[in-house]
N, C-alpha and C. Protein backbone atom coordinates (compact mmCIF):
# COMPACT_ATOMS: atom_id res chain seq x y z
N MET A 1 62.56 -76.71 51.70
CA MET A 1 61.77 -76.02 50.71
C MET A 1 62.68 -75.65 49.53
N ALA A 2 62.22 -75.91 48.30
CA ALA A 2 63.02 -75.61 47.11
C ALA A 2 63.05 -74.11 46.87
N GLU A 3 64.21 -73.64 46.48
CA GLU A 3 64.37 -72.21 46.20
C GLU A 3 63.90 -71.91 44.78
N HIS A 4 63.12 -70.87 44.63
CA HIS A 4 62.63 -70.47 43.31
C HIS A 4 63.70 -69.66 42.59
N PRO A 5 63.82 -69.86 41.27
CA PRO A 5 64.78 -69.03 40.53
C PRO A 5 64.31 -67.58 40.52
N PRO A 6 65.24 -66.66 40.40
CA PRO A 6 64.84 -65.25 40.38
C PRO A 6 63.99 -64.94 39.14
N ALA A 7 63.15 -63.95 39.26
CA ALA A 7 62.32 -63.53 38.13
C ALA A 7 63.21 -62.94 37.05
N PRO A 8 62.97 -63.27 35.79
CA PRO A 8 63.80 -62.73 34.70
C PRO A 8 63.86 -61.20 34.71
N GLU A 9 62.75 -60.57 35.08
CA GLU A 9 62.71 -59.10 35.09
C GLU A 9 63.68 -58.50 36.10
N SER A 10 64.08 -59.28 37.09
CA SER A 10 65.00 -58.75 38.10
C SER A 10 66.40 -58.51 37.54
N PHE A 11 66.70 -59.03 36.36
CA PHE A 11 68.00 -58.84 35.73
C PHE A 11 68.01 -57.66 34.76
N LEU A 12 66.83 -57.07 34.52
CA LEU A 12 66.71 -56.03 33.50
C LEU A 12 66.86 -54.65 34.10
N PRO A 13 67.28 -53.68 33.29
CA PRO A 13 67.73 -53.84 31.91
C PRO A 13 69.14 -54.43 31.87
N LEU A 14 69.39 -55.21 30.83
CA LEU A 14 70.72 -55.77 30.65
C LEU A 14 71.65 -54.73 30.04
N HIS A 15 72.90 -54.80 30.41
CA HIS A 15 73.91 -53.97 29.74
C HIS A 15 73.96 -54.45 28.28
N PRO A 16 74.12 -53.53 27.32
CA PRO A 16 74.13 -53.94 25.91
C PRO A 16 75.15 -55.05 25.58
N VAL A 17 76.31 -55.02 26.19
CA VAL A 17 77.30 -56.07 25.91
C VAL A 17 76.82 -57.40 26.49
N ASP A 18 76.24 -57.38 27.67
CA ASP A 18 75.71 -58.62 28.25
C ASP A 18 74.63 -59.21 27.35
N PHE A 19 73.75 -58.37 26.85
CA PHE A 19 72.68 -58.84 25.96
C PHE A 19 73.27 -59.44 24.69
N ARG A 20 74.28 -58.80 24.14
CA ARG A 20 74.90 -59.32 22.92
C ARG A 20 75.60 -60.66 23.18
N ILE A 21 76.24 -60.81 24.32
CA ILE A 21 76.86 -62.10 24.66
C ILE A 21 75.79 -63.19 24.73
N LEU A 22 74.68 -62.90 25.39
CA LEU A 22 73.60 -63.88 25.47
C LEU A 22 73.05 -64.20 24.09
N LEU A 23 72.91 -63.19 23.23
CA LEU A 23 72.41 -63.44 21.88
C LEU A 23 73.33 -64.38 21.11
N VAL A 24 74.63 -64.14 21.19
CA VAL A 24 75.58 -65.02 20.49
C VAL A 24 75.44 -66.45 20.98
N LEU A 25 75.31 -66.61 22.29
CA LEU A 25 75.28 -67.96 22.86
C LEU A 25 73.92 -68.64 22.71
N THR A 26 72.89 -67.93 22.25
CA THR A 26 71.63 -68.62 21.96
C THR A 26 71.77 -69.50 20.73
N GLU A 27 72.73 -69.19 19.87
CA GLU A 27 72.93 -69.97 18.65
C GLU A 27 73.76 -71.22 18.89
N ARG A 28 74.83 -71.09 19.70
CA ARG A 28 75.69 -72.25 19.98
C ARG A 28 76.69 -71.87 21.07
N ASP A 29 77.26 -72.88 21.70
CA ASP A 29 78.33 -72.67 22.67
C ASP A 29 79.50 -72.01 21.94
N ALA A 30 80.26 -71.20 22.66
CA ALA A 30 81.38 -70.52 22.02
C ALA A 30 82.45 -70.17 23.05
N HIS A 31 83.66 -70.01 22.54
CA HIS A 31 84.76 -69.53 23.39
C HIS A 31 84.82 -68.02 23.27
N GLY A 32 85.60 -67.40 24.14
CA GLY A 32 85.63 -65.95 24.23
C GLY A 32 85.94 -65.24 22.93
N TYR A 33 86.95 -65.71 22.20
CA TYR A 33 87.32 -65.03 20.96
C TYR A 33 86.19 -65.12 19.93
N ARG A 34 85.49 -66.27 19.88
CA ARG A 34 84.37 -66.42 18.95
C ARG A 34 83.23 -65.46 19.33
N ILE A 35 83.01 -65.29 20.63
CA ILE A 35 81.98 -64.36 21.07
C ILE A 35 82.31 -62.95 20.60
N VAL A 36 83.57 -62.54 20.77
CA VAL A 36 84.00 -61.21 20.32
C VAL A 36 83.82 -61.08 18.81
N GLN A 37 84.24 -62.08 18.05
CA GLN A 37 84.11 -62.03 16.59
C GLN A 37 82.64 -61.87 16.17
N GLU A 38 81.77 -62.65 16.80
CA GLU A 38 80.34 -62.59 16.45
C GLU A 38 79.74 -61.21 16.78
N ILE A 39 80.06 -60.69 17.94
CA ILE A 39 79.53 -59.38 18.32
C ILE A 39 80.04 -58.32 17.36
N GLU A 40 81.33 -58.33 17.07
CA GLU A 40 81.90 -57.31 16.19
C GLU A 40 81.40 -57.44 14.76
N SER A 41 81.08 -58.66 14.30
CA SER A 41 80.58 -58.82 12.94
C SER A 41 79.13 -58.33 12.81
N ARG A 42 78.40 -58.32 13.90
CA ARG A 42 77.00 -57.90 13.88
C ARG A 42 76.83 -56.41 14.13
N GLU A 43 77.73 -55.83 14.84
CA GLU A 43 77.55 -54.44 15.28
C GLU A 43 78.85 -53.68 15.11
N ASN A 44 78.93 -52.87 14.08
CA ASN A 44 80.18 -52.14 13.83
C ASN A 44 80.23 -50.78 14.53
N ARG A 45 79.18 -50.40 15.23
CA ARG A 45 79.18 -49.12 15.92
C ARG A 45 79.65 -49.23 17.36
N LEU A 46 79.86 -50.44 17.83
CA LEU A 46 80.32 -50.61 19.21
C LEU A 46 81.82 -50.36 19.30
N PRO A 47 82.28 -49.88 20.44
CA PRO A 47 83.73 -49.82 20.62
C PRO A 47 84.28 -51.24 20.69
N ALA A 48 85.57 -51.38 20.46
CA ALA A 48 86.20 -52.70 20.48
C ALA A 48 85.91 -53.39 21.82
N LEU A 49 85.66 -54.68 21.75
CA LEU A 49 85.41 -55.47 22.95
C LEU A 49 86.70 -56.20 23.29
N TYR A 50 87.38 -55.71 24.31
CA TYR A 50 88.68 -56.28 24.69
C TYR A 50 88.49 -57.49 25.60
N PRO A 51 89.44 -58.42 25.58
CA PRO A 51 89.30 -59.65 26.38
C PRO A 51 89.02 -59.40 27.86
N GLY A 52 89.69 -58.43 28.46
CA GLY A 52 89.45 -58.17 29.88
C GLY A 52 88.01 -57.80 30.15
N ASN A 53 87.43 -56.96 29.29
CA ASN A 53 86.04 -56.55 29.45
C ASN A 53 85.11 -57.74 29.20
N LEU A 54 85.39 -58.51 28.14
CA LEU A 54 84.55 -59.67 27.83
C LEU A 54 84.54 -60.64 29.00
N TYR A 55 85.71 -61.01 29.50
CA TYR A 55 85.76 -62.03 30.55
C TYR A 55 85.20 -61.53 31.87
N ARG A 56 85.27 -60.23 32.13
CA ARG A 56 84.61 -59.68 33.32
C ARG A 56 83.10 -59.84 33.18
N ARG A 57 82.59 -59.53 32.00
CA ARG A 57 81.15 -59.65 31.76
C ARG A 57 80.72 -61.12 31.82
N VAL A 58 81.52 -62.01 31.23
CA VAL A 58 81.20 -63.45 31.27
C VAL A 58 81.19 -63.93 32.72
N ARG A 59 82.17 -63.51 33.50
CA ARG A 59 82.24 -63.90 34.92
C ARG A 59 80.98 -63.44 35.65
N ASP A 60 80.55 -62.19 35.39
CA ASP A 60 79.34 -61.67 36.04
C ASP A 60 78.09 -62.45 35.60
N LEU A 61 77.99 -62.76 34.31
CA LEU A 61 76.84 -63.52 33.81
C LEU A 61 76.83 -64.93 34.40
N ARG A 62 78.01 -65.53 34.56
CA ARG A 62 78.09 -66.85 35.18
C ARG A 62 77.66 -66.78 36.65
N SER A 63 78.10 -65.76 37.36
CA SER A 63 77.76 -65.65 38.78
C SER A 63 76.26 -65.45 38.98
N LYS A 64 75.59 -64.88 38.00
CA LYS A 64 74.13 -64.68 38.07
C LYS A 64 73.35 -65.90 37.59
N GLY A 65 74.07 -66.91 37.07
CA GLY A 65 73.41 -68.12 36.59
C GLY A 65 72.89 -68.03 35.17
N LEU A 66 73.34 -67.02 34.41
CA LEU A 66 72.87 -66.85 33.04
C LEU A 66 73.74 -67.58 32.03
N LEU A 67 74.99 -67.87 32.41
CA LEU A 67 75.92 -68.63 31.59
C LEU A 67 76.55 -69.72 32.43
N GLU A 68 77.09 -70.73 31.76
CA GLU A 68 77.85 -71.77 32.43
C GLU A 68 78.98 -72.22 31.52
N ASP A 69 79.96 -72.90 32.10
CA ASP A 69 81.04 -73.46 31.29
C ASP A 69 80.46 -74.57 30.43
N ALA A 70 81.05 -74.74 29.27
CA ALA A 70 80.64 -75.81 28.35
C ALA A 70 81.88 -76.57 27.92
N PRO A 71 81.73 -77.86 27.65
CA PRO A 71 82.89 -78.60 27.15
C PRO A 71 83.25 -78.13 25.75
N GLY A 72 84.52 -78.09 25.46
CA GLY A 72 84.97 -77.74 24.11
C GLY A 72 84.83 -78.93 23.19
N PRO A 73 85.06 -78.72 21.92
CA PRO A 73 84.97 -79.82 20.97
C PRO A 73 86.06 -80.87 21.23
N GLU A 74 85.76 -82.09 20.88
CA GLU A 74 86.70 -83.20 21.03
C GLU A 74 87.59 -83.29 19.80
N ASP A 75 88.25 -82.20 19.47
CA ASP A 75 89.06 -82.12 18.26
C ASP A 75 90.49 -81.77 18.65
N PRO A 76 91.47 -82.62 18.31
CA PRO A 76 92.86 -82.32 18.69
C PRO A 76 93.41 -81.07 18.01
N GLU A 77 92.75 -80.60 16.96
CA GLU A 77 93.20 -79.40 16.25
C GLU A 77 92.78 -78.13 16.98
N VAL A 78 91.85 -78.25 17.92
CA VAL A 78 91.34 -77.08 18.64
C VAL A 78 92.21 -76.83 19.86
N ASP A 79 92.53 -75.58 20.10
CA ASP A 79 93.34 -75.19 21.26
C ASP A 79 92.60 -75.55 22.55
N SER A 80 93.15 -76.47 23.32
CA SER A 80 92.48 -76.95 24.52
C SER A 80 92.45 -75.91 25.65
N ARG A 81 93.19 -74.80 25.49
CA ARG A 81 93.18 -73.76 26.52
C ARG A 81 91.95 -72.87 26.44
N ARG A 82 91.26 -72.94 25.32
CA ARG A 82 90.07 -72.10 25.16
C ARG A 82 88.97 -72.55 26.11
N ARG A 83 88.33 -71.58 26.73
CA ARG A 83 87.19 -71.87 27.60
C ARG A 83 85.91 -71.61 26.82
N TYR A 84 85.03 -72.58 26.84
CA TYR A 84 83.76 -72.49 26.15
C TYR A 84 82.65 -72.19 27.15
N PHE A 85 81.64 -71.46 26.66
CA PHE A 85 80.52 -71.05 27.49
C PHE A 85 79.21 -71.39 26.79
N ARG A 86 78.18 -71.59 27.61
CA ARG A 86 76.84 -71.81 27.06
C ARG A 86 75.84 -71.02 27.89
N ILE A 87 74.75 -70.67 27.24
CA ILE A 87 73.67 -69.97 27.93
C ILE A 87 72.85 -70.99 28.71
N THR A 88 72.40 -70.61 29.90
CA THR A 88 71.54 -71.48 30.70
C THR A 88 70.09 -71.22 30.32
N GLU A 89 69.20 -72.05 30.83
CA GLU A 89 67.78 -71.81 30.59
C GLU A 89 67.35 -70.47 31.17
N LEU A 90 67.87 -70.14 32.37
CA LEU A 90 67.56 -68.84 32.94
C LEU A 90 68.10 -67.73 32.04
N GLY A 91 69.31 -67.90 31.52
CA GLY A 91 69.90 -66.90 30.63
C GLY A 91 69.06 -66.71 29.37
N ARG A 92 68.56 -67.80 28.82
CA ARG A 92 67.71 -67.73 27.62
C ARG A 92 66.41 -66.99 27.94
N THR A 93 65.84 -67.27 29.10
CA THR A 93 64.60 -66.60 29.50
C THR A 93 64.85 -65.10 29.72
N VAL A 94 65.96 -64.76 30.36
CA VAL A 94 66.30 -63.35 30.58
C VAL A 94 66.52 -62.65 29.25
N ALA A 95 67.23 -63.29 28.31
CA ALA A 95 67.47 -62.68 27.00
C ALA A 95 66.15 -62.45 26.26
N ARG A 96 65.25 -63.42 26.33
CA ARG A 96 63.94 -63.28 25.68
C ARG A 96 63.15 -62.14 26.33
N THR A 97 63.19 -62.05 27.65
CA THR A 97 62.48 -60.99 28.37
C THR A 97 63.05 -59.62 28.01
N GLU A 98 64.36 -59.53 27.89
CA GLU A 98 64.99 -58.27 27.49
C GLU A 98 64.61 -57.91 26.06
N ALA A 99 64.58 -58.90 25.16
CA ALA A 99 64.19 -58.64 23.78
C ALA A 99 62.76 -58.11 23.71
N LEU A 100 61.88 -58.67 24.50
CA LEU A 100 60.49 -58.18 24.54
C LEU A 100 60.43 -56.76 25.08
N ARG A 101 61.20 -56.48 26.12
CA ARG A 101 61.23 -55.13 26.69
C ARG A 101 61.71 -54.13 25.65
N LEU A 102 62.78 -54.48 24.94
CA LEU A 102 63.31 -53.58 23.91
C LEU A 102 62.32 -53.40 22.76
N GLY A 103 61.63 -54.49 22.41
CA GLY A 103 60.62 -54.40 21.36
C GLY A 103 59.50 -53.43 21.73
N GLU A 104 59.10 -53.47 23.00
CA GLU A 104 58.06 -52.54 23.47
C GLU A 104 58.55 -51.10 23.41
N LEU A 105 59.82 -50.87 23.76
CA LEU A 105 60.38 -49.51 23.67
C LEU A 105 60.41 -49.03 22.22
N LEU A 106 60.80 -49.92 21.31
CA LEU A 106 60.82 -49.55 19.89
C LEU A 106 59.42 -49.24 19.38
N ALA A 107 58.45 -50.03 19.79
CA ALA A 107 57.07 -49.77 19.38
C ALA A 107 56.60 -48.40 19.88
N GLU A 108 56.98 -48.08 21.11
CA GLU A 108 56.61 -46.77 21.66
C GLU A 108 57.30 -45.65 20.87
N ALA A 109 58.57 -45.84 20.53
CA ALA A 109 59.29 -44.82 19.76
C ALA A 109 58.65 -44.63 18.38
N ARG A 110 58.21 -45.74 17.77
CA ARG A 110 57.51 -45.64 16.47
C ARG A 110 56.21 -44.87 16.62
N SER A 111 55.47 -45.18 17.67
CA SER A 111 54.17 -44.53 17.84
C SER A 111 54.32 -43.02 18.10
N MET A 112 55.49 -42.62 18.56
CA MET A 112 55.74 -41.20 18.82
C MET A 112 56.42 -40.53 17.65
N GLY A 113 56.62 -41.28 16.55
CA GLY A 113 57.21 -40.71 15.34
C GLY A 113 58.73 -40.62 15.37
N LEU A 114 59.38 -41.25 16.32
CA LEU A 114 60.84 -41.20 16.37
C LEU A 114 61.49 -42.18 15.40
N LEU A 115 60.78 -43.22 15.02
CA LEU A 115 61.30 -44.22 14.09
C LEU A 115 60.30 -44.41 12.96
N PRO A 116 60.79 -44.75 11.78
CA PRO A 116 59.86 -45.01 10.68
C PRO A 116 59.09 -46.30 10.92
N GLY A 117 57.99 -46.45 10.25
CA GLY A 117 57.20 -47.66 10.36
C GLY A 117 55.85 -47.36 10.98
N LYS A 118 55.00 -48.37 10.91
CA LYS A 118 53.65 -48.21 11.46
C LYS A 118 53.70 -48.34 12.98
N PRO A 119 52.94 -47.50 13.67
CA PRO A 119 52.88 -47.62 15.13
C PRO A 119 52.16 -48.88 15.56
C-alpha cells in the first residue's frame, strides 16, 4: 500500500525563519549564503541569521521532506563547495498553506481594528 504524504497543516505553524527559507526557495534554488542574503534584504527587523542556525533549520526542513539538495550551476567560476537547496512540492504546499493561515490571521486582526485597512 502506498504511503500518503503528511497533511500540510501538520507542519503548521512554521517557525518564521523556516517560512522565510521556503519563501526564498520558491523563487529559485539557492545556496546557504544566498538564502541568508535574501532573508536579510527582505526583513531588517530580524536578528542576524548565522550559518549554524541556518543549516540547522535547513537540515530540519530536509528531514521533513520540505527541502532537498539541488545541483549547483555548471560554472567553473562558482565555488563547488557550496551546497544548493530547492523546495519540494510538499514544501511549496506547506508554504502556501502557511501563507493562507497568516492571511486569515491578518484579516482577523484588521476586522478587530488592530491593523489599518478594510475588514
